[in-house]
PDB file of N, CA and C in Angstrom:
ATOM      1  N   MET A   1      92.069 102.317  94.117  1.00  0.00           N
ATOM      2  CA  MET A   1      93.144 101.960  93.487  1.00  0.00           C
ATOM      3  C   MET A   1      94.183 101.798  94.631  1.00  0.00           C
ATOM      4  N   SER A   2      94.885 100.698  94.630  1.00  0.00           N
ATOM      5  CA  SER A   2      95.769 100.357  95.719  1.00  0.00           C
ATOM      6  C   SER A   2      97.116 101.408  95.577  1.00  0.00           C
ATOM      7  N   GLY A   3      97.562 101.573  96.566  1.00  0.00           N
ATOM      8  CA  GLY A   3      99.003 102.380  96.790  1.00  0.00           C
ATOM      9  C   GLY A   3     100.065 101.416  96.716  1.00  0.00           C
ATOM     10  N   PRO A   4     101.062 102.025  96.893  1.00  0.00           N
ATOM     11  CA  PRO A   4     102.469 101.460  96.768  1.00  0.00           C
ATOM     12  C   PRO A   4     102.674 100.349  97.923  1.00  0.00           C
ATOM     13  N   ALA A   5     101.936 100.653  98.932  1.00  0.00           N
ATOM     14  CA  ALA A   5     102.058  99.727 100.224  1.00  0.00           C
ATOM     15  C   ALA A   5     101.537  98.389  99.954  1.00  0.00           C
ATOM     16  N   SER A   6     100.665  98.442  99.021  1.00  0.00           N
ATOM     17  CA  SER A   6     100.418  96.980  99.145  1.00  0.00           C
ATOM     18  C   SER A   6     101.217  95.806  98.207  1.00  0.00           C
ATOM     19  N   LEU A   7     102.165  96.463  97.704  1.00  0.00           N
ATOM     20  CA  LEU A   7     103.351  95.912  97.540  1.00  0.00           C
ATOM     21  C   LEU A   7     104.802  95.338  98.381  1.00  0.00           C
ATOM     22  N   PHE A   8     104.400  95.897  99.633  1.00  0.00           N
ATOM     23  CA  PHE A   8     105.145  95.795 100.660  1.00  0.00           C
ATOM     24  C   PHE A   8     104.849  94.390 101.437  1.00  0.00           C
ATOM     25  N   ARG A   9     105.612  92.993 100.620  1.00  0.00           N
ATOM     26  CA  ARG A   9     105.097  91.984 101.474  1.00  0.00           C
ATOM     27  C   ARG A   9     106.316  91.313 101.788  1.00  0.00           C
ATOM     28  N   GLN A  10     107.256  91.889 102.290  1.00  0.00           N
ATOM     29  CA  GLN A  10     108.346  91.537 103.048  1.00  0.00           C
ATOM     30  C   GLN A  10     108.459  92.512 104.697  1.00  0.00           C
ATOM     31  N   ARG A  11     109.235  92.321 105.514  1.00  0.00           N
ATOM     32  CA  ARG A  11     109.300  92.782 106.955  1.00  0.00           C
ATOM     33  C   ARG A  11     110.813  93.291 107.126  1.00  0.00           C
ATOM     34  N   VAL A  12     111.021  94.423 107.469  1.00  0.00           N
ATOM     35  CA  VAL A  12     112.181  95.187 107.731  1.00  0.00           C
ATOM     36  C   VAL A  12     112.058  95.512 109.317  1.00  0.00           C
ATOM     37  N   SER A  13     113.113  95.179 110.155  1.00  0.00           N
ATOM     38  CA  SER A  13     113.331  95.796 111.349  1.00  0.00           C
ATOM     39  C   SER A  13     114.073  96.971 111.792  1.00  0.00           C
ATOM     40  N   TYR A  14     113.536  97.857 112.507  1.00  0.00           N
ATOM     41  CA  TYR A  14     114.456  99.381 112.551  1.00  0.00           C
ATOM     42  C   TYR A  14     114.159  99.859 113.906  1.00  0.00           C
ATOM     43  N   ALA A  15     115.484 100.385 114.126  1.00  0.00           N
ATOM     44  CA  ALA A  15     115.556 101.271 115.370  1.00  0.00           C
ATOM     45  C   ALA A  15     116.345 102.553 115.355  1.00  0.00           C
ATOM     46  N   GLU A  16     116.076 103.500 116.080  1.00  0.00           N
ATOM     47  CA  GLU A  16     116.867 104.681 116.113  1.00  0.00           C
ATOM     48  C   GLU A  16     117.820 104.648 116.941  1.00  0.00           C
ATOM     49  N   VAL A  17     119.095 105.233 116.730  1.00  0.00           N
ATOM     50  CA  VAL A  17     120.195 105.286 117.436  1.00  0.00           C
ATOM     51  C   VAL A  17     119.883 106.620 117.928  1.00  0.00           C
ATOM     52  N   VAL A  18     119.823 106.414 119.411  1.00  0.00           N
ATOM     53  CA  VAL A  18     119.261 107.644 120.447  1.00  0.00           C
ATOM     54  C   VAL A  18     120.437 108.097 120.949  1.00  0.00           C
ATOM     55  N   GLY A  19     121.890 107.471 120.923  1.00  0.00           N
ATOM     56  CA  GLY A  19     122.909 108.083 121.633  1.00  0.00           C
ATOM     57  C   GLY A  19     124.191 107.040 121.832  1.00  0.00           C
ATOM     58  N   ARG A  20     125.098 107.142 122.676  1.00  0.00           N
ATOM     59  CA  ARG A  20     126.078 106.497 122.892  1.00  0.00           C
ATOM     60  C   ARG A  20     126.195 106.518 124.284  1.00  0.00           C
ATOM     61  N   ASP A  21     127.194 105.000 125.007  1.00  0.00           N
ATOM     62  CA  ASP A  21     127.294 105.054 126.226  1.00  0.00           C
ATOM     63  C   ASP A  21     128.817 105.632 126.351  1.00  0.00           C
ATOM     64  N   ALA A  22     129.118 105.428 127.455  1.00  0.00           N
ATOM     65  CA  ALA A  22     130.333 105.960 128.029  1.00  0.00           C
ATOM     66  C   ALA A  22     131.722 105.483 127.046  1.00  0.00           C
ATOM     67  N   TRP A  23     131.306 104.055 126.315  1.00  0.00           N
ATOM     68  CA  TRP A  23     132.667 103.733 125.758  1.00  0.00           C
ATOM     69  C   TRP A  23     132.295 103.762 124.184  1.00  0.00           C
ATOM     70  N   GLY A  24     131.262 104.475 123.929  1.00  0.00           N
ATOM     71  CA  GLY A  24     131.242 104.925 122.569  1.00  0.00           C
ATOM     72  C   GLY A  24     130.263 103.958 121.899  1.00  0.00           C
ATOM     73  N   THR A  25     129.560 102.923 122.610  1.00  0.00           N
ATOM     74  CA  THR A  25     128.669 101.926 121.864  1.00  0.00           C
ATOM     75  C   THR A  25     127.602 102.426 121.621  1.00  0.00           C
ATOM     76  N   PRO A  26     126.868 102.426 120.553  1.00  0.00           N
ATOM     77  CA  PRO A  26     125.500 103.095 120.283  1.00  0.00           C
ATOM     78  C   PRO A  26     124.159 102.594 121.051  1.00  0.00           C
ATOM     79  N   LEU A  27     123.567 103.304 121.476  1.00  0.00           N
ATOM     80  CA  LEU A  27     122.221 103.026 121.979  1.00  0.00           C
ATOM     81  C   LEU A  27     121.249 103.241 121.220  1.00  0.00           C
ATOM     82  N   LEU A  28     120.349 102.125 121.115  1.00  0.00           N
ATOM     83  CA  LEU A  28     119.187 102.057 120.268  1.00  0.00           C
ATOM     84  C   LEU A  28     117.836 102.085 120.996  1.00  0.00           C
ATOM     85  N   GLY A  29     117.117 103.065 120.082  1.00  0.00           N
ATOM     86  CA  GLY A  29     115.520 103.215 120.832  1.00  0.00           C
ATOM     87  C   GLY A  29     114.995 101.635 120.558  1.00  0.00           C
ATOM     88  N   PRO A  30     113.726 101.521 120.676  1.00  0.00           N
ATOM     89  CA  PRO A  30     112.879 100.335 120.494  1.00  0.00           C
ATOM     90  C   PRO A  30     113.006  99.663 119.258  1.00  0.00           C
ATOM     91  N   ILE A  31     113.009  98.440 119.138  1.00  0.00           N
ATOM     92  CA  ILE A  31     113.211  97.534 117.723  1.00  0.00           C
ATOM     93  C   ILE A  31     111.840  97.550 117.171  1.00  0.00           C
ATOM     94  N   GLN A  32     111.588  98.278 116.045  1.00  0.00           N
ATOM     95  CA  GLN A  32     110.100  98.133 115.482  1.00  0.00           C
ATOM     96  C   GLN A  32     110.163  97.224 114.118  1.00  0.00           C
ATOM     97  N   GLU A  33     108.902  96.792 113.675  1.00  0.00           N
ATOM     98  CA  GLU A  33     108.966  96.237 112.323  1.00  0.00           C
ATOM     99  C   GLU A  33     108.200  96.597 111.456  1.00  0.00           C
ATOM    100  N   ALA A  34     108.198  96.806 110.392  1.00  0.00           N
ATOM    101  CA  ALA A  34     107.093  97.572 109.294  1.00  0.00           C
ATOM    102  C   ALA A  34     107.315  96.374 108.051  1.00  0.00           C
ATOM    103  N   PRO A  35     106.410  96.806 107.257  1.00  0.00           N
ATOM    104  CA  PRO A  35     106.327  96.133 105.806  1.00  0.00           C
ATOM    105  C   PRO A  35     106.945  96.608 104.923  1.00  0.00           C
ATOM    106  N   ALA A  36     107.824  96.237 104.205  1.00  0.00           N
ATOM    107  CA  ALA A  36     108.625  96.865 103.218  1.00  0.00           C
ATOM    108  C   ALA A  36     108.676  95.765 101.887  1.00  0.00           C
ATOM    109  N   ARG A  37     109.400  96.566 101.152  1.00  0.00           N
ATOM    110  CA  ARG A  37     110.047  95.837  99.551  1.00  0.00           C
ATOM    111  C   ARG A  37     111.328  96.002  99.725  1.00  0.00           C
ATOM    112  N   ILE A  38     112.092  94.978  99.634  1.00  0.00           N
ATOM    113  CA  ILE A  38     113.611  95.035  99.695  1.00  0.00           C
ATOM    114  C   ILE A  38     114.121  94.773  98.234  1.00  0.00           C
ATOM    115  N   GLN A  39     115.121  95.269  97.761  1.00  0.00           N
ATOM    116  CA  GLN A  39     115.444  95.009  96.379  1.00  0.00           C
ATOM    117  C   GLN A  39     116.872  95.221  96.333  1.00  0.00           C
ATOM    118  N   PRO A  40     117.455  94.234  95.536  1.00  0.00           N
ATOM    119  CA  PRO A  40     119.167  94.387  95.510  1.00  0.00           C
ATOM    120  C   PRO A  40     119.314  95.586  94.454  1.00  0.00           C
ATOM    121  N   SER A  41     120.272  96.398  94.673  1.00  0.00           N
ATOM    122  CA  SER A  41     120.569  97.541  93.709  1.00  0.00           C
ATOM    123  C   SER A  41     122.086  97.612  93.463  1.00  0.00           C
ATOM    124  N   ARG A  42     122.657  98.269  92.442  1.00  0.00           N
ATOM    125  CA  ARG A  42     123.595  98.447  92.045  1.00  0.00           C
ATOM    126  C   ARG A  42     123.876  99.798  91.727  1.00  0.00           C
ATOM    127  N   LYS A  43     123.375 100.710  92.437  1.00  0.00           N
ATOM    128  CA  LYS A  43     123.305 102.372  91.888  1.00  0.00           C
ATOM    129  C   LYS A  43     123.978 103.183  92.451  1.00  0.00           C
ATOM    130  N   LEU A  44     124.845 104.193  91.811  1.00  0.00           N
ATOM    131  CA  LEU A  44     125.547 104.904  92.297  1.00  0.00           C
ATOM    132  C   LEU A  44     125.174 106.004  92.988  1.00  0.00           C
ATOM    133  N   ILE A  45     124.812 106.536  94.067  1.00  0.00           N
ATOM    134  CA  ILE A  45     124.272 107.186  94.806  1.00  0.00           C
ATOM    135  C   ILE A  45     125.024 108.387  95.599  1.00  0.00           C
ATOM    136  N   ARG A  46     124.786 109.525  95.818  1.00  0.00           N
ATOM    137  CA  ARG A  46     125.625 110.087  96.942  1.00  0.00           C
ATOM    138  C   ARG A  46     124.940 110.098  98.382  1.00  0.00           C
ATOM    139  N   ASP A  47     125.785 110.037  99.450  1.00  0.00           N
ATOM    140  CA  ASP A  47     125.354 109.766 100.851  1.00  0.00           C
ATOM    141  C   ASP A  47     125.104 111.237 101.235  1.00  0.00           C
ATOM    142  N   ALA A  48     124.737 111.370 102.748  1.00  0.00           N
ATOM    143  CA  ALA A  48     124.438 112.350 103.393  1.00  0.00           C
ATOM    144  C   ALA A  48     125.553 113.468 103.366  1.00  0.00           C
ATOM    145  N   ASN A  49     126.880 112.765 103.197  1.00  0.00           N
ATOM    146  CA  ASN A  49     127.951 113.706 103.228  1.00  0.00           C
ATOM    147  C   ASN A  49     128.505 114.503 101.723  1.00  0.00           C
ATOM    148  N   GLY A  50     127.644 113.761 100.993  1.00  0.00           N
ATOM    149  CA  GLY A  50     128.223 113.960  99.511  1.00  0.00           C
ATOM    150  C   GLY A  50     129.062 113.283  98.810  1.00  0.00           C
ATOM    151  N   ALA A  51     129.393 112.058  99.538  1.00  0.00           N
ATOM    152  CA  ALA A  51     130.452 111.060  99.073  1.00  0.00           C
ATOM    153  C   ALA A  51     129.715 110.342  98.181  1.00  0.00           C
ATOM    154  N   GLU A  52     130.487 109.847  96.969  1.00  0.00           N
ATOM    155  CA  GLU A  52     129.496 108.716  96.014  1.00  0.00           C
ATOM    156  C   GLU A  52     129.543 107.313  96.527  1.00  0.00           C
ATOM    157  N   PHE A  53     128.714 106.500  96.379  1.00  0.00           N
ATOM    158  CA  PHE A  53     128.428 105.172  97.047  1.00  0.00           C
ATOM    159  C   PHE A  53     127.691 104.271  96.316  1.00  0.00           C
ATOM    160  N   VAL A  54     128.176 103.145  96.081  1.00  0.00           N
ATOM    161  CA  VAL A  54     127.333 102.214  95.502  1.00  0.00           C
ATOM    162  C   VAL A  54     126.413 101.740  96.423  1.00  0.00           C
ATOM    163  N   ALA A  55     125.012 101.444  96.154  1.00  0.00           N
ATOM    164  CA  ALA A  55     124.079 101.299  96.848  1.00  0.00           C
ATOM    165  C   ALA A  55     123.698  99.645  96.746  1.00  0.00           C
ATOM    166  N   SER A  56     123.700  98.758  97.946  1.00  0.00           N
ATOM    167  CA  SER A  56     123.599  97.256  97.801  1.00  0.00           C
ATOM    168  C   SER A  56     122.157  97.042  97.779  1.00  0.00           C
ATOM    169  N   PHE A  57     121.392  97.448  98.453  1.00  0.00           N
ATOM    170  CA  PHE A  57     120.066  97.606  98.469  1.00  0.00           C
ATOM    171  C   PHE A  57     119.065  98.705  98.381  1.00  0.00           C
ATOM    172  N   VAL A  58     118.243  98.767  98.276  1.00  0.00           N
ATOM    173  CA  VAL A  58     117.029  99.947  98.223  1.00  0.00           C
ATOM    174  C   VAL A  58     115.726  99.388  98.868  1.00  0.00           C
ATOM    175  N   VAL A  59     115.448  99.650  99.986  1.00  0.00           N
ATOM    176  CA  VAL A  59     114.155  99.195 100.738  1.00  0.00           C
ATOM    177  C   VAL A  59     113.052 100.535 100.709  1.00  0.00           C
ATOM    178  N   TYR A  60     111.813 100.032  99.831  1.00  0.00           N
ATOM    179  CA  TYR A  60     110.807 100.744 100.190  1.00  0.00           C
ATOM    180  C   TYR A  60     109.871 100.586 101.369  1.00  0.00           C
ATOM    181  N   THR A  61     109.493 101.741 101.923  1.00  0.00           N
ATOM    182  CA  THR A  61     108.475 101.133 103.238  1.00  0.00           C
ATOM    183  C   THR A  61     107.828 102.639 103.611  1.00  0.00           C
ATOM    184  N   GLU A  62     106.916 102.347 104.207  1.00  0.00           N
ATOM    185  CA  GLU A  62     106.001 103.861 104.779  1.00  0.00           C
ATOM    186  C   GLU A  62     106.723 104.036 106.342  1.00  0.00           C
ATOM    187  N   ALA A  63     107.636 103.102 106.773  1.00  0.00           N
ATOM    188  CA  ALA A  63     108.305 103.463 108.083  1.00  0.00           C
ATOM    189  C   ALA A  63     108.817 104.771 108.085  1.00  0.00           C
ATOM    190  N   PRO A  64     108.894 105.276 109.226  1.00  0.00           N
ATOM    191  CA  PRO A  64     109.595 106.873 109.479  1.00  0.00           C
ATOM    192  C   PRO A  64     110.910 106.500 109.713  1.00  0.00           C
ATOM    193  N   VAL A  65     111.672 106.048 108.434  1.00  0.00           N
ATOM    194  CA  VAL A  65     113.112 105.870 108.537  1.00  0.00           C
ATOM    195  C   VAL A  65     113.978 106.934 108.115  1.00  0.00           C
ATOM    196  N   THR A  66     114.917 107.267 109.117  1.00  0.00           N
ATOM    197  CA  THR A  66     115.864 108.368 108.758  1.00  0.00           C
ATOM    198  C   THR A  66     117.551 107.872 108.712  1.00  0.00           C
ATOM    199  N   LEU A  67     118.393 108.911 108.768  1.00  0.00           N
ATOM    200  CA  LEU A  67     119.610 108.546 108.442  1.00  0.00           C
ATOM    201  C   LEU A  67     120.082 107.666 109.967  1.00  0.00           C
ATOM    202  N   ARG A  68     119.457 108.363 111.009  1.00  0.00           N
ATOM    203  CA  ARG A  68     119.679 108.199 112.236  1.00  0.00           C
ATOM    204  C   ARG A  68     119.216 106.555 112.744  1.00  0.00           C
ATOM    205  N   HIS A  69     118.327 105.797 111.755  1.00  0.00           N
ATOM    206  CA  HIS A  69     118.153 104.437 111.993  1.00  0.00           C
ATOM    207  C   HIS A  69     118.988 103.512 111.616  1.00  0.00           C
ATOM    208  N   ARG A  70     118.725 102.258 112.025  1.00  0.00           N
ATOM    209  CA  ARG A  70     119.460 101.182 111.689  1.00  0.00           C
ATOM    210  C   ARG A  70     118.451  99.992 111.445  1.00  0.00           C
ATOM    211  N   LEU A  71     118.688  99.207 110.495  1.00  0.00           N
ATOM    212  CA  LEU A  71     117.917  98.265 109.723  1.00  0.00           C
ATOM    213  C   LEU A  71     118.653  96.918 109.519  1.00  0.00           C
ATOM    214  N   TRP A  72     117.273  96.035 109.883  1.00  0.00           N
ATOM    215  CA  TRP A  72     117.829  94.499 109.979  1.00  0.00           C
ATOM    216  C   TRP A  72     116.745  93.840 109.031  1.00  0.00           C
ATOM    217  N   PHE A  73     117.334  92.809 108.013  1.00  0.00           N
ATOM    218  CA  PHE A  73     116.462  92.076 107.265  1.00  0.00           C
ATOM    219  C   PHE A  73     116.228  90.870 107.955  1.00  0.00           C
ATOM    220  N   LYS A  74     115.033  90.142 107.365  1.00  0.00           N
ATOM    221  CA  LYS A  74     114.578  88.788 107.883  1.00  0.00           C
ATOM    222  C   LYS A  74     115.887  88.097 108.029  1.00  0.00           C
ATOM    223  N   GLY A  75     116.147  87.420 109.008  1.00  0.00           N
ATOM    224  CA  GLY A  75     117.209  86.232 109.399  1.00  0.00           C
ATOM    225  C   GLY A  75     118.449  86.862 109.942  1.00  0.00           C
ATOM    226  N   ASP A  76     118.550  88.352 109.957  1.00  0.00           N
ATOM    227  CA  ASP A  76     119.760  89.330 110.636  1.00  0.00           C
ATOM    228  C   ASP A  76     119.758  88.984 112.148  1.00  0.00           C
ATOM    229  N   ASP A  77     120.437  89.040 112.979  1.00  0.00           N
ATOM    230  CA  ASP A  77     120.466  88.996 114.353  1.00  0.00           C
ATOM    231  C   ASP A  77     120.141  90.330 114.865  1.00  0.00           C
ATOM    232  N   ILE A  78     118.934  90.743 115.353  1.00  0.00           N
ATOM    233  CA  ILE A  78     118.614  92.175 115.777  1.00  0.00           C
ATOM    234  C   ILE A  78     119.477  92.346 116.694  1.00  0.00           C
ATOM    235  N   THR A  79     119.626  91.529 117.956  1.00  0.00           N
ATOM    236  CA  THR A  79     120.415  91.444 119.142  1.00  0.00           C
ATOM    237  C   THR A  79     122.074  92.079 118.856  1.00  0.00           C
ATOM    238  N   ASP A  80     122.257  91.959 117.769  1.00  0.00           N
ATOM    239  CA  ASP A  80     123.857  92.312 117.475  1.00  0.00           C
ATOM    240  C   ASP A  80     123.915  93.629 116.641  1.00  0.00           C
ATOM    241  N   PHE A  81     124.152  94.706 117.042  1.00  0.00           N
ATOM    242  CA  PHE A  81     124.236  96.004 116.438  1.00  0.00           C
ATOM    243  C   PHE A  81     125.348  95.663 115.109  1.00  0.00           C
ATOM    244  N   ASN A  82     126.152  95.013 115.140  1.00  0.00           N
ATOM    245  CA  ASN A  82     127.242  94.827 113.931  1.00  0.00           C
ATOM    246  C   ASN A  82     126.418  94.224 112.806  1.00  0.00           C
ATOM    247  N   HIS A  83     125.218  93.554 112.936  1.00  0.00           N
ATOM    248  CA  HIS A  83     124.582  93.064 111.843  1.00  0.00           C
ATOM    249  C   HIS A  83     123.811  94.082 111.086  1.00  0.00           C
ATOM    250  N   ALA A  84     123.511  95.186 111.592  1.00  0.00           N
ATOM    251  CA  ALA A  84     122.611  96.416 111.386  1.00  0.00           C
ATOM    252  C   ALA A  84     122.926  96.894 110.349  1.00  0.00           C
ATOM    253  N   ARG A  85     122.250  97.542 109.366  1.00  0.00           N
ATOM    254  CA  ARG A  85     122.528  98.119 108.089  1.00  0.00           C
ATOM    255  C   ARG A  85     122.236  99.390 108.410  1.00  0.00           C
ATOM    256  N   ARG A  86     123.234 100.240 107.628  1.00  0.00           N
ATOM    257  CA  ARG A  86     122.756 101.807 107.837  1.00  0.00           C
ATOM    258  C   ARG A  86     122.450 102.515 106.917  1.00  0.00           C
ATOM    259  N   PRO A  87     121.576 103.116 106.887  1.00  0.00           N
ATOM    260  CA  PRO A  87     121.024 103.966 105.679  1.00  0.00           C
ATOM    261  C   PRO A  87     122.052 105.000 105.141  1.00  0.00           C
ATOM    262  N   ALA A  88     122.597 105.048 103.819  1.00  0.00           N
ATOM    263  CA  ALA A  88     123.173 106.173 103.214  1.00  0.00           C
ATOM    264  C   ALA A  88     122.323 107.221 102.836  1.00  0.00           C
ATOM    265  N   ALA A  89     121.359 106.857 102.283  1.00  0.00           N
ATOM    266  CA  ALA A  89     120.260 107.975 101.814  1.00  0.00           C
ATOM    267  C   ALA A  89     119.181 107.785 101.928  1.00  0.00           C
ATOM    268  N   VAL A  90     118.095 108.348 102.074  1.00  0.00           N
ATOM    269  CA  VAL A  90     116.469 108.444 102.265  1.00  0.00           C
ATOM    270  C   VAL A  90     115.776 109.338 101.533  1.00  0.00           C
ATOM    271  N   ASP A  91     115.232 108.901 100.381  1.00  0.00           N
ATOM    272  CA  ASP A  91     114.364 109.832  99.616  1.00  0.00           C
ATOM    273  C   ASP A  91     112.553 109.726  99.972  1.00  0.00           C
ATOM    274  N   GLU A  92     112.005 110.667 100.216  1.00  0.00           N
ATOM    275  CA  GLU A  92     110.527 110.601 100.310  1.00  0.00           C
ATOM    276  C   GLU A  92     110.072 110.830  99.099  1.00  0.00           C
ATOM    277  N   HIS A  93     108.859 110.201  98.899  1.00  0.00           N
ATOM    278  CA  HIS A  93     107.968 110.281  97.726  1.00  0.00           C
ATOM    279  C   HIS A  93     106.786 110.664  98.247  1.00  0.00           C
ATOM    280  N   VAL A  94     105.935 111.854  97.595  1.00  0.00           N
ATOM    281  CA  VAL A  94     104.938 112.034  97.988  1.00  0.00           C
ATOM    282  C   VAL A  94     103.938 112.105  96.706  1.00  0.00           C
ATOM    283  N   ASP A  95     102.573 112.036  96.897  1.00  0.00           N
ATOM    284  CA  ASP A  95     101.721 112.200  95.859  1.00  0.00           C
ATOM    285  C   ASP A  95     101.152 113.375  95.299  1.00  0.00           C
ATOM    286  N   GLY A  96     100.420 113.737  94.753  1.00  0.00           N
ATOM    287  CA  GLY A  96      99.964 115.153  94.074  1.00  0.00           C
ATOM    288  C   GLY A  96      99.423 115.868  94.892  1.00  0.00           C
ATOM    289  N   ALA A  97      98.737 115.376  96.071  1.00  0.00           N
ATOM    290  CA  ALA A  97      98.382 116.065  97.095  1.00  0.00           C
ATOM    291  C   ALA A  97      99.369 116.435  98.172  1.00  0.00           C
ATOM    292  N   GLY A  98     100.382 116.010  98.108  1.00  0.00           N
ATOM    293  CA  GLY A  98     101.791 116.291  99.045  1.00  0.00           C
ATOM    294  C   GLY A  98     101.616 115.514 100.314  1.00  0.00           C
ATOM    295  N   VAL A  99     101.150 114.423 100.140  1.00  0.00           N
ATOM    296  CA  VAL A  99     100.966 113.192 100.892  1.00  0.00           C
ATOM    297  C   VAL A  99     101.997 112.438 100.844  1.00  0.00           C
ATOM    298  N   LEU A 100     102.733 112.047 101.802  1.00  0.00           N
ATOM    299  CA  LEU A 100     103.942 111.309 101.883  1.00  0.00           C
ATOM    300  C   LEU A 100     103.407 109.832 101.699  1.00  0.00           C
ATOM    301  N   ARG A 101     104.001 109.286 100.570  1.00  0.00           N
ATOM    302  CA  ARG A 101     103.525 107.566 100.210  1.00  0.00           C
ATOM    303  C   ARG A 101     104.462 106.758 100.595  1.00  0.00           C
ATOM    304  N   TYR A 102     105.500 106.582 100.481  1.00  0.00           N
ATOM    305  CA  TYR A 102     106.511 105.984 100.802  1.00  0.00           C
ATOM    306  C   TYR A 102     108.207 106.323 100.851  1.00  0.00           C
ATOM    307  N   ARG A 103     109.013 105.646 101.528  1.00  0.00           N
ATOM    308  CA  ARG A 103     110.545 106.242 101.563  1.00  0.00           C
ATOM    309  C   ARG A 103     111.144 105.001 100.812  1.00  0.00           C
ATOM    310  N   LYS A 104     112.166 105.816 100.123  1.00  0.00           N
ATOM    311  CA  LYS A 104     113.290 104.801  99.244  1.00  0.00           C
ATOM    312  C   LYS A 104     114.402 104.994 100.304  1.00  0.00           C
ATOM    313  N   VAL A 105     114.779 103.771 100.994  1.00  0.00           N
ATOM    314  CA  VAL A 105     115.971 104.004 101.887  1.00  0.00           C
ATOM    315  C   VAL A 105     117.200 103.203 101.131  1.00  0.00           C
ATOM    316  N   TRP A 106     118.231 103.802 100.804  1.00  0.00           N
ATOM    317  CA  TRP A 106     119.447 103.091 100.244  1.00  0.00           C
ATOM    318  C   TRP A 106     120.398 102.630 101.134  1.00  0.00           C
ATOM    319  N   LEU A 107     120.749 101.545 100.889  1.00  0.00           N
ATOM    320  CA  LEU A 107     121.917 100.594 101.926  1.00  0.00           C
ATOM    321  C   LEU A 107     123.064 100.471 101.326  1.00  0.00           C
TER     322      LEU A 107
END
């Protein structure tokens, strides 16, 4: 039986914000690419601060994405930080044995 990763036929690029320079510009770690499934969404969720937020996208992936990461979809300019998407919430889904299967990243 195949897992949810078999449905991840799109690609998403992601990088962690590791700090800020002297002018406050975010410094990114290495940009990586992972298989994903990107779906449009219009769901009302709560972000990490508890504020209500209408998610535009939900990304399903096995990549270790957290709230500190920024994401780019295919066609986005990964050299421009302003084109990066910031996760509002990340849900981790585990199977019956407690093994992490995938993450739902709300943007």
